[in-house]
N, C-alpha and C. Protein backbone atom coordinates (compact mmCIF):
# COMPACT_ATOMS: atom_id res chain seq x y z
N MET A 1 66.36 -143.05 6.63
CA MET A 1 67.56 -143.21 5.81
C MET A 1 67.17 -143.93 4.52
N LYS A 2 66.29 -144.93 4.59
CA LYS A 2 65.92 -145.69 3.42
C LYS A 2 65.27 -144.78 2.34
N GLU A 3 64.43 -143.83 2.80
CA GLU A 3 63.78 -142.91 1.87
C GLU A 3 64.79 -142.01 1.21
N LEU A 4 65.83 -141.56 1.93
CA LEU A 4 66.88 -140.72 1.36
C LEU A 4 67.63 -141.54 0.24
N ILE A 5 67.98 -142.79 0.52
CA ILE A 5 68.68 -143.60 -0.42
C ILE A 5 67.83 -143.79 -1.67
N TYR A 6 66.58 -144.19 -1.49
CA TYR A 6 65.69 -144.32 -2.63
C TYR A 6 65.61 -143.04 -3.50
N SER A 7 65.47 -141.88 -2.83
CA SER A 7 65.33 -140.68 -3.57
C SER A 7 66.58 -140.33 -4.30
N LYS A 8 67.75 -140.55 -3.76
CA LYS A 8 69.03 -140.27 -4.37
C LYS A 8 69.23 -141.23 -5.58
N ILE A 9 68.85 -142.44 -5.50
CA ILE A 9 68.96 -143.36 -6.59
C ILE A 9 68.01 -142.92 -7.73
N LYS A 10 66.80 -142.56 -7.39
CA LYS A 10 65.84 -142.11 -8.40
C LYS A 10 66.35 -140.85 -9.09
N GLU A 11 66.96 -139.94 -8.33
CA GLU A 11 67.50 -138.76 -8.82
C GLU A 11 68.69 -139.08 -9.80
N TYR A 12 69.47 -140.06 -9.40
CA TYR A 12 70.67 -140.43 -10.22
C TYR A 12 70.24 -141.15 -11.49
N ASP A 13 69.24 -141.98 -11.41
CA ASP A 13 68.73 -142.76 -12.54
C ASP A 13 67.16 -142.79 -12.56
N PRO A 14 66.59 -141.73 -13.14
CA PRO A 14 65.12 -141.56 -13.09
C PRO A 14 64.38 -142.69 -13.77
N GLN A 15 65.02 -143.50 -14.61
CA GLN A 15 64.40 -144.59 -15.31
C GLN A 15 64.15 -145.81 -14.41
N LEU A 16 64.79 -145.88 -13.31
CA LEU A 16 64.59 -146.98 -12.35
C LEU A 16 63.23 -146.84 -11.69
N ASP A 17 62.38 -147.84 -11.81
CA ASP A 17 61.10 -147.76 -11.18
C ASP A 17 60.92 -148.72 -9.99
N ASP A 18 60.88 -149.93 -10.30
CA ASP A 18 60.58 -150.96 -9.32
C ASP A 18 61.89 -151.64 -8.89
N PHE A 19 62.44 -151.30 -7.77
CA PHE A 19 63.69 -151.90 -7.35
C PHE A 19 63.77 -152.03 -5.82
N GLU A 20 64.68 -152.90 -5.41
CA GLU A 20 64.90 -153.04 -3.95
C GLU A 20 66.34 -152.66 -3.66
N ILE A 21 66.58 -152.22 -2.44
CA ILE A 21 67.91 -151.84 -2.07
C ILE A 21 68.38 -152.68 -0.89
N SER A 22 69.74 -152.90 -0.76
CA SER A 22 70.33 -153.52 0.38
C SER A 22 71.49 -152.61 0.76
N TYR A 23 71.64 -152.33 2.03
CA TYR A 23 72.78 -151.53 2.53
C TYR A 23 73.02 -151.84 3.98
N SER A 24 74.25 -151.64 4.39
CA SER A 24 74.62 -151.95 5.77
C SER A 24 74.77 -150.70 6.61
N ASN A 25 74.79 -149.50 5.98
CA ASN A 25 75.01 -148.25 6.68
C ASN A 25 76.35 -148.24 7.36
N HIS A 26 77.30 -148.98 6.90
CA HIS A 26 78.66 -149.06 7.44
C HIS A 26 79.59 -148.28 6.52
N PRO A 27 80.28 -147.21 7.05
CA PRO A 27 81.19 -146.52 6.15
C PRO A 27 82.43 -147.39 5.85
N LEU A 28 82.90 -147.30 4.60
CA LEU A 28 84.09 -148.02 4.19
C LEU A 28 85.18 -147.00 3.89
N LEU A 29 86.39 -147.30 4.44
CA LEU A 29 87.54 -146.44 4.23
C LEU A 29 87.91 -146.56 2.73
N LEU A 30 87.91 -145.40 2.07
CA LEU A 30 88.12 -145.39 0.67
C LEU A 30 89.44 -145.99 0.26
N ASP A 31 90.48 -145.80 1.04
CA ASP A 31 91.80 -146.38 0.71
C ASP A 31 91.75 -147.87 0.78
N ASP A 32 90.92 -148.49 1.66
CA ASP A 32 90.79 -149.90 1.71
C ASP A 32 90.05 -150.44 0.48
N VAL A 33 88.99 -149.68 0.06
CA VAL A 33 88.23 -150.08 -1.13
C VAL A 33 89.15 -150.05 -2.34
N ILE A 34 89.96 -149.01 -2.45
CA ILE A 34 90.86 -148.85 -3.59
C ILE A 34 91.85 -150.05 -3.63
N MET A 35 92.35 -150.38 -2.46
CA MET A 35 93.32 -151.50 -2.37
C MET A 35 92.62 -152.79 -2.82
N SER A 36 91.42 -152.99 -2.40
CA SER A 36 90.67 -154.16 -2.75
C SER A 36 90.40 -154.28 -4.27
N TYR A 37 90.07 -153.21 -4.93
CA TYR A 37 89.85 -153.17 -6.33
C TYR A 37 91.15 -153.30 -7.15
N LYS A 38 92.28 -152.85 -6.57
CA LYS A 38 93.58 -153.13 -7.22
C LYS A 38 93.85 -154.65 -7.25
N GLY A 39 93.55 -155.28 -6.16
CA GLY A 39 93.69 -156.73 -6.02
C GLY A 39 92.73 -157.48 -7.00
N ARG A 40 91.46 -157.06 -6.99
CA ARG A 40 90.48 -157.67 -7.85
C ARG A 40 90.87 -157.54 -9.32
N ASN A 41 91.42 -156.42 -9.65
CA ASN A 41 91.86 -156.22 -11.06
C ASN A 41 92.98 -157.16 -11.43
N LYS A 42 93.92 -157.36 -10.52
CA LYS A 42 95.06 -158.21 -10.84
C LYS A 42 94.60 -159.70 -10.93
N LEU A 43 93.52 -160.06 -10.16
CA LEU A 43 93.06 -161.44 -10.12
C LEU A 43 91.98 -161.72 -11.17
N ALA A 44 91.55 -160.73 -11.89
CA ALA A 44 90.48 -160.95 -12.84
C ALA A 44 90.84 -162.01 -13.85
N LYS A 45 89.91 -162.92 -14.14
CA LYS A 45 90.15 -164.02 -15.07
C LYS A 45 89.76 -163.71 -16.47
N SER A 46 88.92 -162.73 -16.69
CA SER A 46 88.48 -162.42 -18.05
C SER A 46 88.86 -160.96 -18.31
N GLU A 47 88.97 -160.64 -19.56
CA GLU A 47 89.30 -159.27 -19.99
C GLU A 47 88.15 -158.33 -19.60
N ARG A 48 86.93 -158.78 -19.75
CA ARG A 48 85.77 -157.89 -19.44
C ARG A 48 85.74 -157.57 -17.88
N ILE A 49 86.03 -158.57 -17.07
CA ILE A 49 86.07 -158.29 -15.61
C ILE A 49 87.25 -157.40 -15.26
N ARG A 50 88.37 -157.61 -15.95
CA ARG A 50 89.54 -156.69 -15.76
C ARG A 50 89.16 -155.28 -16.14
N GLU A 51 88.43 -155.09 -17.23
CA GLU A 51 88.01 -153.76 -17.66
C GLU A 51 87.04 -153.12 -16.66
N LEU A 52 86.11 -153.96 -16.17
CA LEU A 52 85.18 -153.48 -15.13
C LEU A 52 85.87 -153.03 -13.88
N THR A 53 86.72 -153.86 -13.41
CA THR A 53 87.44 -153.50 -12.14
C THR A 53 88.32 -152.25 -12.33
N TYR A 54 88.95 -152.18 -13.48
CA TYR A 54 89.77 -150.99 -13.83
C TYR A 54 88.94 -149.72 -13.80
N GLU A 55 87.79 -149.83 -14.42
CA GLU A 55 86.85 -148.66 -14.45
C GLU A 55 86.42 -148.28 -13.02
N VAL A 56 86.05 -149.23 -12.23
CA VAL A 56 85.70 -148.95 -10.86
C VAL A 56 86.82 -148.31 -10.14
N LEU A 57 88.04 -148.90 -10.30
CA LEU A 57 89.21 -148.36 -9.60
C LEU A 57 89.45 -146.91 -10.01
N ASN A 58 89.34 -146.66 -11.29
CA ASN A 58 89.56 -145.24 -11.70
C ASN A 58 88.53 -144.33 -11.11
N ASN A 59 87.27 -144.75 -10.99
CA ASN A 59 86.25 -143.93 -10.35
C ASN A 59 86.49 -143.71 -8.92
N LEU A 60 86.99 -144.72 -8.23
CA LEU A 60 87.36 -144.61 -6.82
C LEU A 60 88.51 -143.58 -6.60
N LEU A 61 89.47 -143.69 -7.53
CA LEU A 61 90.57 -142.70 -7.41
C LEU A 61 90.13 -141.27 -7.67
N LEU A 62 89.18 -141.08 -8.57
CA LEU A 62 88.61 -139.76 -8.71
C LEU A 62 87.92 -139.24 -7.48
N ILE A 63 87.20 -140.13 -6.80
CA ILE A 63 86.57 -139.76 -5.55
C ILE A 63 87.58 -139.40 -4.55
N LYS A 64 88.65 -140.14 -4.47
CA LYS A 64 89.76 -139.80 -3.50
C LYS A 64 90.33 -138.41 -3.80
N ASN A 65 90.41 -138.01 -5.07
CA ASN A 65 90.87 -136.69 -5.40
C ASN A 65 90.00 -135.57 -4.89
N GLU A 66 88.75 -135.89 -4.52
CA GLU A 66 87.82 -134.97 -3.93
C GLU A 66 87.97 -134.89 -2.38
N SER A 67 89.06 -135.47 -1.89
CA SER A 67 89.34 -135.53 -0.45
C SER A 67 88.28 -136.27 0.33
N VAL A 68 87.61 -137.29 -0.29
CA VAL A 68 86.68 -138.10 0.41
C VAL A 68 87.42 -139.24 1.13
N GLU A 69 87.07 -139.51 2.36
CA GLU A 69 87.79 -140.56 3.13
C GLU A 69 86.94 -141.81 3.18
N TYR A 70 85.63 -141.68 3.27
CA TYR A 70 84.71 -142.82 3.43
C TYR A 70 83.63 -142.85 2.41
N VAL A 71 83.18 -144.04 1.98
CA VAL A 71 82.07 -144.20 1.11
C VAL A 71 81.17 -145.27 1.66
N LYS A 72 79.98 -145.36 1.15
CA LYS A 72 79.03 -146.43 1.51
C LYS A 72 78.55 -147.05 0.23
N PHE A 73 78.30 -148.34 0.29
CA PHE A 73 77.77 -149.12 -0.85
C PHE A 73 76.28 -149.41 -0.67
N VAL A 74 75.59 -149.36 -1.76
CA VAL A 74 74.16 -149.72 -1.73
C VAL A 74 73.97 -150.63 -2.99
N VAL A 75 73.41 -151.80 -2.75
CA VAL A 75 73.07 -152.72 -3.87
C VAL A 75 71.65 -152.52 -4.26
N VAL A 76 71.42 -152.31 -5.54
CA VAL A 76 70.07 -152.11 -6.13
C VAL A 76 69.80 -153.34 -6.96
N ARG A 77 68.64 -153.96 -6.70
CA ARG A 77 68.22 -155.16 -7.44
C ARG A 77 66.90 -154.89 -8.16
N TYR A 78 66.84 -155.23 -9.46
CA TYR A 78 65.60 -155.16 -10.25
C TYR A 78 65.72 -156.17 -11.33
N ASP A 79 64.61 -156.77 -11.69
CA ASP A 79 64.61 -157.84 -12.66
C ASP A 79 65.63 -158.89 -12.23
N VAL A 80 66.61 -159.18 -13.10
CA VAL A 80 67.66 -160.11 -12.72
C VAL A 80 69.05 -159.33 -12.65
N THR A 81 68.89 -158.05 -12.50
CA THR A 81 70.08 -157.18 -12.49
C THR A 81 70.44 -156.67 -11.09
N SER A 82 71.68 -156.63 -10.76
CA SER A 82 72.18 -156.00 -9.53
C SER A 82 73.17 -154.93 -9.88
N ARG A 83 72.99 -153.76 -9.30
CA ARG A 83 73.90 -152.67 -9.49
C ARG A 83 74.44 -152.20 -8.12
N LEU A 84 75.69 -151.88 -8.08
CA LEU A 84 76.30 -151.33 -6.87
C LEU A 84 76.46 -149.85 -7.03
N PHE A 85 75.86 -149.11 -6.10
CA PHE A 85 75.94 -147.70 -6.05
C PHE A 85 76.92 -147.26 -5.00
N VAL A 86 77.87 -146.34 -5.35
CA VAL A 86 78.84 -145.86 -4.39
C VAL A 86 78.37 -144.48 -3.97
N PHE A 87 78.07 -144.34 -2.63
CA PHE A 87 77.56 -143.12 -2.08
C PHE A 87 78.54 -142.38 -1.26
N ALA A 88 78.31 -141.09 -1.04
CA ALA A 88 79.02 -140.35 0.02
C ALA A 88 78.64 -140.95 1.33
N GLU A 89 79.44 -140.71 2.37
CA GLU A 89 79.22 -141.31 3.72
C GLU A 89 77.86 -140.96 4.25
N ASP A 90 77.33 -139.76 3.93
CA ASP A 90 76.02 -139.38 4.51
C ASP A 90 74.89 -139.58 3.54
N TYR A 91 75.14 -140.28 2.47
CA TYR A 91 74.15 -140.62 1.40
C TYR A 91 73.66 -139.36 0.69
N SER A 92 74.42 -138.29 0.75
CA SER A 92 73.96 -137.06 0.05
C SER A 92 74.27 -137.07 -1.44
N LYS A 93 75.13 -137.98 -1.85
CA LYS A 93 75.56 -137.99 -3.26
C LYS A 93 75.89 -139.35 -3.72
N VAL A 94 75.45 -139.68 -4.97
CA VAL A 94 75.86 -140.95 -5.61
C VAL A 94 77.10 -140.58 -6.48
N PHE A 95 78.23 -141.22 -6.23
CA PHE A 95 79.38 -140.94 -6.97
C PHE A 95 79.33 -141.66 -8.32
N PHE A 96 79.04 -142.95 -8.32
CA PHE A 96 78.89 -143.74 -9.57
C PHE A 96 78.22 -145.07 -9.22
N ASP A 97 77.93 -145.82 -10.23
CA ASP A 97 77.36 -147.15 -10.02
C ASP A 97 77.92 -148.06 -11.14
N PHE A 98 77.83 -149.36 -10.90
CA PHE A 98 78.15 -150.32 -11.95
C PHE A 98 77.30 -151.52 -11.80
N THR A 99 77.20 -152.27 -12.87
CA THR A 99 76.31 -153.47 -12.88
C THR A 99 77.17 -154.68 -12.64
N PHE A 100 76.72 -155.50 -11.69
CA PHE A 100 77.40 -156.76 -11.41
C PHE A 100 77.31 -157.72 -12.59
N PRO A 101 78.37 -158.40 -12.95
CA PRO A 101 78.27 -159.40 -13.97
C PRO A 101 77.47 -160.62 -13.46
N THR A 102 76.61 -161.16 -14.33
CA THR A 102 75.85 -162.35 -13.97
C THR A 102 75.93 -163.34 -15.08
N GLU A 103 75.51 -164.55 -14.80
CA GLU A 103 75.51 -165.57 -15.86
C GLU A 103 74.51 -165.24 -16.97
N ASN A 104 73.48 -164.49 -16.64
CA ASN A 104 72.49 -164.06 -17.67
C ASN A 104 73.03 -162.90 -18.47
N ASN A 105 74.07 -162.30 -18.09
CA ASN A 105 74.61 -161.09 -18.76
C ASN A 105 75.86 -161.54 -19.48
N SER A 106 75.72 -162.01 -20.71
CA SER A 106 76.81 -162.65 -21.44
C SER A 106 77.93 -161.65 -21.75
N GLU A 107 77.69 -160.37 -21.79
CA GLU A 107 78.74 -159.41 -22.16
C GLU A 107 79.88 -159.42 -21.13
N TYR A 108 79.66 -159.96 -19.95
CA TYR A 108 80.69 -160.03 -18.93
C TYR A 108 81.48 -161.32 -18.94
N ASN A 109 81.05 -162.29 -19.71
CA ASN A 109 81.76 -163.60 -19.78
C ASN A 109 82.94 -163.53 -20.63
């Protein structure tokens, strides 16, 4: 499974070279994830975080339009960056990814 995830990430972003992944292999009900991001968007304290959660929410809604019921998350870490990749339940497709805001990444503050 790990090799499949690495290959799909490299296919999605060929510029990624040296990175580590974390995943639980637990499918997440897309409706629950959408509900969570609606809440995160309402609770966002900065405009940048509100924009990020809104963008994620829109992408999740697009996935739902494809009649997808479950997704899986994979966290990719490299340098001081963490990105969350949203995969199909069987890891056959990366739907989208986004970069986690960090203290070192001032554009998110």
